[in-house]
N, C-alpha and C. Protein backbone atom coordinates (compact mmCIF):
# COMPACT_ATOMS: atom_id res chain seq x y z
N MET A 1 -2.40 58.51 -6.46
CA MET A 1 -2.62 57.27 -7.75
C MET A 1 -2.67 56.42 -7.13
N ARG A 2 -1.10 55.86 -6.45
CA ARG A 2 -0.92 54.89 -5.56
C ARG A 2 -1.47 54.60 -4.58
N ASP A 3 -1.44 55.23 -3.77
CA ASP A 3 -2.23 55.61 -2.46
C ASP A 3 -3.75 54.81 -2.63
N GLU A 4 -4.36 55.46 -3.62
CA GLU A 4 -5.50 54.92 -3.86
C GLU A 4 -5.76 53.60 -3.80
N LYS A 5 -4.69 53.23 -4.75
CA LYS A 5 -4.76 51.33 -4.67
C LYS A 5 -4.79 50.50 -3.09
N PHE A 6 -3.86 50.97 -2.82
CA PHE A 6 -3.77 50.76 -1.26
C PHE A 6 -5.13 51.22 -0.70
N LYS A 7 -5.86 52.30 -0.03
CA LYS A 7 -6.79 52.10 0.31
C LYS A 7 -8.13 50.86 0.05
N LYS A 8 -8.06 50.41 -1.53
CA LYS A 8 -9.01 49.61 -2.05
C LYS A 8 -8.82 48.41 -1.36
N GLY A 9 -7.52 48.08 -0.72
CA GLY A 9 -7.47 46.80 -0.22
C GLY A 9 -5.72 46.51 -0.95
N GLY A 10 -5.07 46.97 -1.02
CA GLY A 10 -3.58 46.68 -1.18
C GLY A 10 -3.59 46.24 -2.84
N HIS A 11 -2.34 45.97 -3.08
CA HIS A 11 -1.99 45.87 -4.53
C HIS A 11 -3.31 45.17 -5.20
N HIS A 12 -3.56 44.06 -4.84
CA HIS A 12 -4.70 43.40 -5.55
C HIS A 12 -5.90 43.92 -5.36
N GLY A 13 -6.51 44.88 -4.87
CA GLY A 13 -6.89 45.35 -4.98
C GLY A 13 -8.60 44.71 -4.10
N GLY A 14 -7.94 44.01 -2.72
CA GLY A 14 -8.33 43.48 -2.29
C GLY A 14 -9.35 42.06 -2.44
N ARG A 15 -8.35 41.61 -3.57
CA ARG A 15 -9.30 40.10 -3.71
C ARG A 15 -8.87 38.93 -2.63
N HIS A 16 -8.12 39.61 -1.80
CA HIS A 16 -7.46 38.42 -1.03
C HIS A 16 -7.98 38.47 0.82
N LYS A 17 -8.98 39.35 0.69
CA LYS A 17 -9.92 39.04 1.71
C LYS A 17 -9.93 38.00 2.25
N ASP A 18 -10.78 37.13 1.70
CA ASP A 18 -11.55 36.09 1.89
C ASP A 18 -11.24 35.05 1.98
N HIS A 19 -9.64 35.29 1.78
CA HIS A 19 -8.50 33.87 1.69
C HIS A 19 -8.61 32.69 2.56
N GLY A 20 -9.33 33.20 3.66
CA GLY A 20 -9.23 32.11 4.55
C GLY A 20 -10.30 31.13 4.88
N SER A 21 -11.66 32.14 4.10
CA SER A 21 -12.77 31.62 4.14
C SER A 21 -12.79 30.45 2.77
N HIS A 22 -11.82 30.63 2.17
CA HIS A 22 -11.80 29.51 0.69
C HIS A 22 -10.93 28.46 0.91
N HIS A 23 -9.73 28.80 2.27
CA HIS A 23 -8.29 27.67 2.58
C HIS A 23 -8.89 26.46 1.76
N HIS A 24 -10.07 25.78 1.96
CA HIS A 24 -9.63 24.25 2.24
C HIS A 24 -10.82 23.64 1.42
N GLY A 25 -11.36 24.77 0.36
CA GLY A 25 -12.25 24.31 -0.61
C GLY A 25 -12.20 23.95 -1.33
N PRO A 26 -11.29 23.81 -2.38
CA PRO A 26 -10.50 22.98 -3.21
C PRO A 26 -9.88 21.73 -2.75
N LYS A 27 -9.55 21.74 -1.89
CA LYS A 27 -9.41 19.89 -1.29
C LYS A 27 -10.36 19.35 -1.04
N THR A 28 -11.34 19.77 -0.28
CA THR A 28 -12.36 19.17 0.03
C THR A 28 -13.04 19.17 -1.19
N PHE A 29 -13.54 19.77 -2.18
CA PHE A 29 -14.10 19.67 -3.81
C PHE A 29 -13.54 18.67 -4.33
N ARG A 30 -12.38 18.48 -4.48
CA ARG A 30 -11.61 17.03 -5.06
C ARG A 30 -11.51 15.59 -4.26
N ARG A 31 -11.67 16.00 -2.71
CA ARG A 31 -11.94 14.68 -2.13
C ARG A 31 -13.02 14.58 -2.18
N GLY A 32 -13.94 15.19 -2.64
CA GLY A 32 -15.65 14.57 -2.37
C GLY A 32 -15.68 14.09 -4.38
N ARG A 33 -14.95 14.60 -4.87
CA ARG A 33 -15.08 13.90 -6.55
C ARG A 33 -14.36 12.46 -6.32
N ALA A 34 -13.19 12.55 -5.82
CA ALA A 34 -12.51 11.24 -5.29
C ALA A 34 -13.67 9.86 -4.69
N ILE A 35 -14.23 10.66 -3.93
CA ILE A 35 -15.41 9.29 -3.37
C ILE A 35 -16.43 9.53 -4.03
N ALA A 36 -16.78 10.62 -4.93
CA ALA A 36 -17.93 9.87 -5.65
C ALA A 36 -17.22 9.02 -6.96
N PHE A 37 -15.98 9.12 -7.23
CA PHE A 37 -15.82 8.31 -8.24
C PHE A 37 -15.47 6.95 -7.75
N LEU A 38 -14.87 6.86 -6.21
CA LEU A 38 -14.81 5.36 -5.75
C LEU A 38 -16.18 4.89 -5.32
N ASP A 39 -17.39 5.83 -5.22
CA ASP A 39 -18.71 5.16 -5.10
C ASP A 39 -18.97 4.35 -6.34
N MET A 40 -19.24 5.12 -7.13
CA MET A 40 -19.10 4.82 -9.26
C MET A 40 -18.32 3.43 -9.46
N MET A 41 -17.34 3.23 -8.76
CA MET A 41 -16.31 2.12 -8.95
C MET A 41 -16.92 0.64 -8.17
N ASN A 42 -17.64 1.07 -6.76
CA ASN A 42 -18.37 0.07 -6.29
C ASN A 42 -19.39 0.01 -6.68
N LEU A 43 -19.99 0.74 -7.17
CA LEU A 43 -21.18 0.20 -8.07
C LEU A 43 -21.22 -0.62 -8.99
N LYS A 44 -20.02 -0.39 -10.14
CA LYS A 44 -19.57 -1.32 -11.24
C LYS A 44 -19.13 -2.75 -10.56
N ARG A 45 -18.58 -2.68 -9.12
CA ARG A 45 -18.35 -4.00 -8.53
C ARG A 45 -19.47 -4.70 -8.73
N SER A 46 -20.46 -4.32 -7.82
CA SER A 46 -21.56 -4.75 -7.62
C SER A 46 -22.54 -5.32 -8.80
N THR A 47 -22.72 -4.87 -9.27
CA THR A 47 -23.16 -5.07 -10.60
C THR A 47 -22.55 -6.33 -11.47
N ILE A 48 -20.76 -6.18 -11.47
CA ILE A 48 -20.41 -7.30 -12.02
C ILE A 48 -20.66 -8.60 -11.08
N LYS A 49 -20.84 -8.39 -9.39
CA LYS A 49 -20.85 -9.47 -8.77
C LYS A 49 -21.98 -10.08 -9.12
N GLU A 50 -23.31 -9.08 -8.79
CA GLU A 50 -24.51 -9.90 -9.58
C GLU A 50 -24.78 -10.58 -10.82
N GLN A 51 -23.94 -10.22 -11.90
CA GLN A 51 -24.20 -10.91 -13.05
C GLN A 51 -23.36 -12.22 -13.16
N LEU A 52 -22.33 -12.51 -11.88
CA LEU A 52 -21.22 -13.82 -11.30
C LEU A 52 -22.68 -14.97 -11.10
N ASP A 53 -23.83 -14.35 -10.88
CA ASP A 53 -24.51 -15.26 -10.21
C ASP A 53 -25.37 -15.43 -11.16
N GLN A 54 -25.72 -14.96 -12.28
CA GLN A 54 -27.16 -15.16 -13.22
C GLN A 54 -26.72 -16.04 -14.33
N PRO A 55 -27.56 -16.99 -15.09
CA PRO A 55 -26.97 -18.40 -15.48
C PRO A 55 -26.94 -17.54 -17.07
N GLU A 56 -27.28 -16.76 -17.52
CA GLU A 56 -27.07 -15.84 -18.79
C GLU A 56 -25.79 -15.24 -19.27
N PHE A 57 -24.88 -15.13 -18.02
CA PHE A 57 -23.54 -14.98 -17.83
C PHE A 57 -22.94 -16.02 -17.78
N GLN A 58 -22.90 -16.93 -17.59
CA GLN A 58 -22.06 -17.94 -17.71
C GLN A 58 -21.23 -18.25 -17.97
N SER A 59 -21.39 -18.05 -19.69
CA SER A 59 -20.74 -18.10 -20.88
C SER A 59 -19.59 -17.29 -20.59
N ILE A 60 -19.54 -16.42 -19.79
CA ILE A 60 -18.40 -15.34 -19.65
C ILE A 60 -18.04 -15.30 -18.18
N GLN A 61 -17.91 -16.14 -17.45
CA GLN A 61 -17.84 -16.27 -16.58
C GLN A 61 -16.32 -15.61 -15.62
N GLN A 62 -15.80 -16.25 -16.42
CA GLN A 62 -14.06 -15.94 -16.35
C GLN A 62 -13.70 -14.54 -16.55
N ILE A 63 -14.25 -13.99 -17.49
CA ILE A 63 -14.04 -12.89 -17.95
C ILE A 63 -15.05 -11.62 -16.86
N LEU A 64 -16.03 -12.28 -16.03
CA LEU A 64 -16.34 -11.25 -15.19
C LEU A 64 -15.46 -11.61 -14.26
N VAL A 65 -14.76 -12.87 -13.61
CA VAL A 65 -13.98 -13.13 -12.53
C VAL A 65 -12.73 -12.08 -12.27
N GLY A 66 -12.26 -12.03 -13.72
CA GLY A 66 -11.11 -11.40 -14.24
C GLY A 66 -11.47 -9.88 -13.65
N GLU A 67 -12.86 -8.98 -14.38
CA GLU A 67 -12.93 -7.88 -14.50
C GLU A 67 -13.40 -7.44 -12.69
N LEU A 68 -13.80 -8.65 -11.69
CA LEU A 68 -14.10 -8.12 -10.19
C LEU A 68 -12.54 -8.02 -9.91
N LYS A 69 -11.91 -9.14 -9.87
CA LYS A 69 -10.60 -8.93 -9.55
C LYS A 69 -9.72 -7.29 -10.08
N ALA A 70 -9.92 -7.13 -11.17
CA ALA A 70 -9.24 -6.31 -11.58
C ALA A 70 -9.81 -4.83 -10.69
N ILE A 71 -10.81 -4.47 -10.71
CA ILE A 71 -12.01 -3.80 -10.38
C ILE A 71 -11.76 -3.74 -8.60
N ASP A 72 -11.27 -4.47 -7.93
CA ASP A 72 -11.21 -4.83 -6.48
C ASP A 72 -9.78 -4.05 -5.98
N MET A 73 -8.41 -4.42 -7.29
CA MET A 73 -7.47 -3.94 -7.46
C MET A 73 -6.72 -2.37 -7.30
N LEU A 74 -8.25 -2.09 -8.69
CA LEU A 74 -8.13 -0.27 -8.47
C LEU A 74 -8.81 0.26 -7.47
N ILE A 75 -10.23 -0.80 -6.52
CA ILE A 75 -10.45 0.56 -5.90
C ILE A 75 -9.82 0.51 -4.22
N ASN A 76 -9.27 -0.87 -3.98
CA ASN A 76 -7.89 -0.73 -3.39
C ASN A 76 -6.88 0.08 -3.57
N GLU A 77 -6.54 0.27 -4.47
CA GLU A 77 -5.58 1.00 -4.70
C GLU A 77 -6.03 2.86 -4.74
N PHE A 78 -6.76 3.02 -5.28
CA PHE A 78 -7.74 4.65 -5.26
C PHE A 78 -7.59 4.73 -3.88
N SER A 79 -7.92 3.93 -3.05
CA SER A 79 -8.42 4.31 -1.68
C SER A 79 -7.50 4.64 -0.92
N GLN A 80 -6.28 3.93 -1.39
CA GLN A 80 -4.68 3.96 -0.30
C GLN A 80 -4.45 5.18 -1.06
N LEU A 81 -4.33 5.64 -2.37
CA LEU A 81 -3.69 6.73 -2.82
C LEU A 81 -4.57 7.96 -2.24
N PHE A 82 -5.32 7.97 -1.86
CA PHE A 82 -6.65 8.94 -1.83
C PHE A 82 -6.56 8.91 -0.20
N GLU A 83 -5.98 7.82 0.50
CA GLU A 83 -6.08 7.77 1.91
C GLU A 83 -7.83 7.97 2.19
N ILE A 84 -8.59 7.46 1.33
CA ILE A 84 -10.24 7.04 1.98
C ILE A 84 -10.34 6.08 2.76
N GLN A 85 -11.06 6.06 3.46
CA GLN A 85 -11.17 5.10 4.82
C GLN A 85 -13.04 4.85 4.86
N GLU A 86 -13.51 3.78 5.03
CA GLU A 86 -14.88 3.34 4.80
C GLU A 86 -15.47 4.35 5.54
N ASN A 87 -15.55 4.30 7.02
CA ASN A 87 -15.93 5.50 7.48
C ASN A 87 -16.13 6.76 7.02
N GLU A 88 -15.18 7.31 6.45
CA GLU A 88 -14.99 8.62 5.57
C GLU A 88 -16.39 8.65 4.36
N LYS A 89 -16.39 7.16 3.56
CA LYS A 89 -17.04 7.14 2.81
C LYS A 89 -18.69 7.58 3.25
N ALA A 90 -19.04 6.70 4.20
CA ALA A 90 -20.19 6.80 4.89
C ALA A 90 -20.77 7.94 5.75
N ALA A 91 -19.52 8.92 6.03
CA ALA A 91 -19.91 10.00 6.34
C ALA A 91 -20.30 11.54 5.03
N GLU A 92 -19.29 11.06 4.05
CA GLU A 92 -19.74 11.85 2.70
C GLU A 92 -21.21 11.35 2.45
N LYS A 93 -21.45 10.10 2.44
CA LYS A 93 -22.69 10.13 1.83
C LYS A 93 -23.79 10.47 2.64
N SER A 94 -23.73 10.79 3.59
CA SER A 94 -24.92 10.95 5.11
C SER A 94 -24.72 13.08 4.43
N SER A 95 -23.78 13.21 4.28
CA SER A 95 -23.54 14.57 4.21
C SER A 95 -24.12 14.82 3.23
N GLU A 96 -24.11 14.23 2.28
CA GLU A 96 -25.13 14.42 0.77
C GLU A 96 -26.47 14.54 1.41
N GLU A 97 -26.71 13.24 1.99
CA GLU A 97 -28.19 13.20 2.42
C GLU A 97 -28.89 14.29 2.92
N LYS A 98 -27.83 14.63 4.24
CA LYS A 98 -28.13 15.93 4.60
C LYS A 98 -28.68 17.39 3.68
N GLU A 99 -27.45 17.41 2.76
CA GLU A 99 -28.16 18.49 1.70
C GLU A 99 -28.62 18.45 0.89
N THR A 100 -29.23 17.31 0.30
CA THR A 100 -30.36 17.06 -0.39
C THR A 100 -31.61 17.42 0.81
N SER A 101 -31.72 17.10 1.87
CA SER A 101 -33.02 17.28 2.40
C SER A 101 -33.13 18.38 3.17
N ASN A 102 -32.08 19.16 3.33
CA ASN A 102 -32.17 20.33 3.12
C ASN A 102 -32.78 21.11 2.45
N GLU A 103 -32.06 20.86 0.92
CA GLU A 103 -32.61 21.13 -0.08
C GLU A 103 -33.95 21.13 -0.55
N LYS A 104 -34.54 20.12 -0.22
CA LYS A 104 -36.13 20.01 -0.57
C LYS A 104 -36.67 20.67 0.11
N GLY A 105 -36.25 20.48 1.96
CA GLY A 105 -37.10 21.70 3.04
C GLY A 105 -37.26 23.11 2.81
N MET A 106 -35.80 23.90 1.83
CA MET A 106 -35.74 24.92 1.50
C MET A 106 -36.72 25.16 0.25
N GLU A 107 -36.81 24.66 -0.82
CA GLU A 107 -37.82 24.01 -1.51
C GLU A 107 -39.54 24.37 -0.98
N MET A 108 -39.86 23.52 -0.04
CA MET A 108 -40.95 23.99 0.31
C MET A 108 -41.55 24.86 0.86
N ASN A 109 -40.26 25.26 1.96
CA ASN A 109 -40.12 27.00 2.47
C ASN A 109 -40.77 28.13 1.36
N GLU A 110 -39.87 27.93 0.31
CA GLU A 110 -40.22 29.03 -0.96
C GLU A 110 -41.67 28.56 -1.51
N THR A 111 -42.53 27.66 -1.39
CA THR A 111 -43.49 27.42 -1.89
C THR A 111 -44.83 28.02 -1.43
N ASN A 112 -44.12 27.99 0.23
CA ASN A 112 -45.25 27.91 1.35
C ASN A 112 -45.83 29.89 1.81
């Protein structure tokens, strides 16, 4: 009985045979999520910056300036904490665009 377990792939039934192929998966996934969060923060920053120039937000301009400073601080701290560089964000974005275009290409091939 014990020999049968080892024939199937060891003590865990062969579950670890693909271990090498998944080694970087979770780290890359978390890093991708961190970059997506940073992109969201940058979008919020650009929205606040646009509002500073609009006359309808003149009455809360000081609040917007404070929010802009706070979001800049968060972006800087977050980038340092996760060691995210500008070129890395650009590479992640172009990678996502390639994946999207590849998915569209595959969808078109499926209908042909």
